[in-house]
Amino acid sequence: QVQLVESGGGLVQPGGSLRLSCAASGSIFRIYAMGWYRQAPGKQRELVAFIRVGGSTNYADSVKGRFTISRDNAKNTMYLQMNSLKPEDTAVYYCNSRPSRDDYWGQGTQVTVSS
């Protein structure tokens, strides 16, 4: 049973930066494309960015140029570097495979962008 644990969230001012981490209990990054998702209050969960097994990446238009997804296969860890954060980036951030699997959802990590 694979477990994904997100960390690195917090409260940051607009324009600030955070780096999220996703630690996997197994070597799934070599098998699945992986993504970062977020869910803001009252909104549906959305895919923010994903990275394919081969390493190519894609981003939602709302975060393109500000967020960078990466992974370290040796550490079974995926990252999301978030720069120039905006209040509309406030959400709980989750990692999962892409497409997502119901049994991979973790607790997420809260990101709050506010002055």
Protein backbone atom coordinates (compact mmCIF):
# COMPACT_ATOMS: atom_id res chain seq x y z
CA GLN A 1 0.00 0.00 0.00
CA VAL A 2 1.56 3.26 -1.16
CA GLN A 3 1.30 6.26 1.15
CA LEU A 4 1.89 9.85 0.09
CA VAL A 5 2.65 12.47 2.74
CA GLU A 6 2.57 16.16 1.89
CA SER A 7 4.42 18.82 3.87
CA GLY A 8 5.78 22.34 3.60
CA GLY A 9 2.62 24.41 3.66
CA GLY A 10 2.08 27.46 5.80
CA LEU A 11 1.09 31.10 5.93
CA VAL A 12 2.90 33.40 3.53
CA GLN A 13 2.42 36.97 2.36
CA PRO A 14 1.48 37.74 -1.23
CA GLY A 15 4.58 37.61 -3.39
CA GLY A 16 6.25 35.10 -1.11
CA SER A 17 7.47 31.57 -1.76
CA LEU A 18 6.98 28.07 -0.39
CA ARG A 19 8.29 24.67 -1.31
CA LEU A 20 6.00 21.70 -0.84
CA SER A 21 7.24 18.14 -0.53
CA CYS A 22 5.52 14.84 -1.22
CA ALA A 23 7.17 11.78 0.27
CA ALA A 24 6.16 8.41 -1.13
CA SER A 25 6.47 5.13 0.73
CA GLY A 26 7.42 3.30 -2.46
CA SER A 27 9.18 3.86 -5.76
CA ILE A 28 6.12 4.93 -7.70
CA PHE A 29 7.68 7.90 -9.48
CA ARG A 30 9.29 5.51 -11.95
CA ILE A 31 5.89 3.96 -12.68
CA TYR A 32 3.34 6.77 -12.64
CA ALA A 33 3.11 10.34 -13.76
CA MET A 34 2.63 12.38 -10.58
CA GLY A 35 0.77 15.56 -9.92
CA TRP A 36 0.10 18.30 -7.46
CA TYR A 37 -3.55 19.11 -6.89
CA ARG A 38 -5.23 21.77 -4.79
CA GLN A 39 -8.65 22.41 -3.35
CA ALA A 40 -9.75 25.84 -2.24
CA PRO A 41 -12.74 26.32 0.08
CA GLY A 42 -15.99 25.84 -1.81
CA LYS A 43 -14.23 24.77 -5.00
CA GLN A 44 -13.49 21.51 -6.73
CA ARG A 45 -10.08 19.94 -6.51
CA GLU A 46 -7.93 20.92 -9.49
CA LEU A 47 -4.69 19.70 -11.02
CA VAL A 48 -1.98 22.32 -10.64
CA ALA A 49 1.02 20.62 -12.21
CA PHE A 50 2.21 17.18 -13.19
CA ILE A 51 5.42 15.47 -14.14
CA ARG A 52 5.62 12.47 -16.44
CA VAL A 53 7.80 9.44 -15.85
CA GLY A 54 10.19 10.78 -18.48
CA GLY A 55 10.45 14.10 -16.64
CA SER A 56 8.45 16.44 -18.85
CA THR A 57 6.07 18.74 -17.03
CA ASN A 58 2.78 20.57 -17.49
CA TYR A 59 1.18 23.38 -15.55
CA ALA A 60 -2.22 24.91 -15.16
CA ASP A 61 -2.39 28.33 -16.79
CA SER A 62 -3.02 29.93 -13.40
CA VAL A 63 0.40 28.88 -12.06
CA LYS A 64 2.52 28.76 -15.21
CA GLY A 65 5.73 30.71 -14.74
CA ARG A 66 5.35 30.79 -10.94
CA PHE A 67 5.33 27.12 -9.88
CA THR A 68 7.89 24.43 -10.64
CA ILE A 69 7.31 20.73 -10.14
CA SER A 70 10.25 18.37 -9.70
CA ARG A 71 11.09 15.03 -8.18
CA ASP A 72 13.99 13.08 -6.70
CA ASN A 73 13.53 9.41 -7.57
CA ALA A 74 16.32 8.34 -5.22
CA LYS A 75 14.49 9.95 -2.28
CA ASN A 76 11.00 9.01 -3.48
CA THR A 77 10.10 12.67 -3.03
CA MET A 78 8.34 15.15 -5.27
CA TYR A 79 8.41 18.91 -4.86
CA LEU A 80 6.42 21.97 -5.80
CA GLN A 81 8.33 25.24 -5.69
CA MET A 82 5.81 28.06 -5.50
CA ASN A 83 6.94 31.62 -6.14
CA SER A 84 5.09 34.93 -6.46
CA LEU A 85 2.23 33.51 -4.46
CA LYS A 86 -1.18 35.13 -4.71
CA PRO A 87 -4.18 35.04 -2.35
CA GLU A 88 -5.98 32.90 -4.93
CA ASP A 89 -3.34 30.20 -4.41
CA THR A 90 -4.76 29.60 -0.94
CA ALA A 91 -5.86 25.97 -0.77
CA VAL A 92 -5.05 22.54 0.59
CA TYR A 93 -2.41 21.01 -1.67
CA TYR A 94 -2.25 17.28 -2.35
CA CYS A 95 0.00 15.00 -4.35
CA ASN A 96 -1.26 11.99 -6.24
CA SER A 97 -0.63 10.10 -9.41
CA ARG A 98 -2.02 11.45 -12.65
CA PRO A 99 -4.64 10.31 -13.28
CA SER A 100 -5.32 10.27 -9.56
CA ARG A 101 -6.04 7.15 -7.55
CA ASP A 102 -8.59 7.17 -4.75
CA ASP A 103 -6.29 5.17 -2.49
CA TYR A 104 -3.40 7.64 -2.86
CA TRP A 105 -5.05 10.74 -1.39
CA GLY A 106 -3.30 11.94 1.75
CA GLN A 107 -4.12 14.65 4.27
CA GLY A 108 -2.68 17.44 2.16
CA THR A 109 -0.86 20.53 3.34
CA GLN A 110 -2.52 23.91 3.85
CA VAL A 111 -1.18 26.92 1.98
CA THR A 112 -2.54 30.29 3.00
CA VAL A 113 -1.51 33.45 1.16
CA SER A 114 -2.54 36.52 3.08
CA SER A 115 -1.19 39.81 4.33
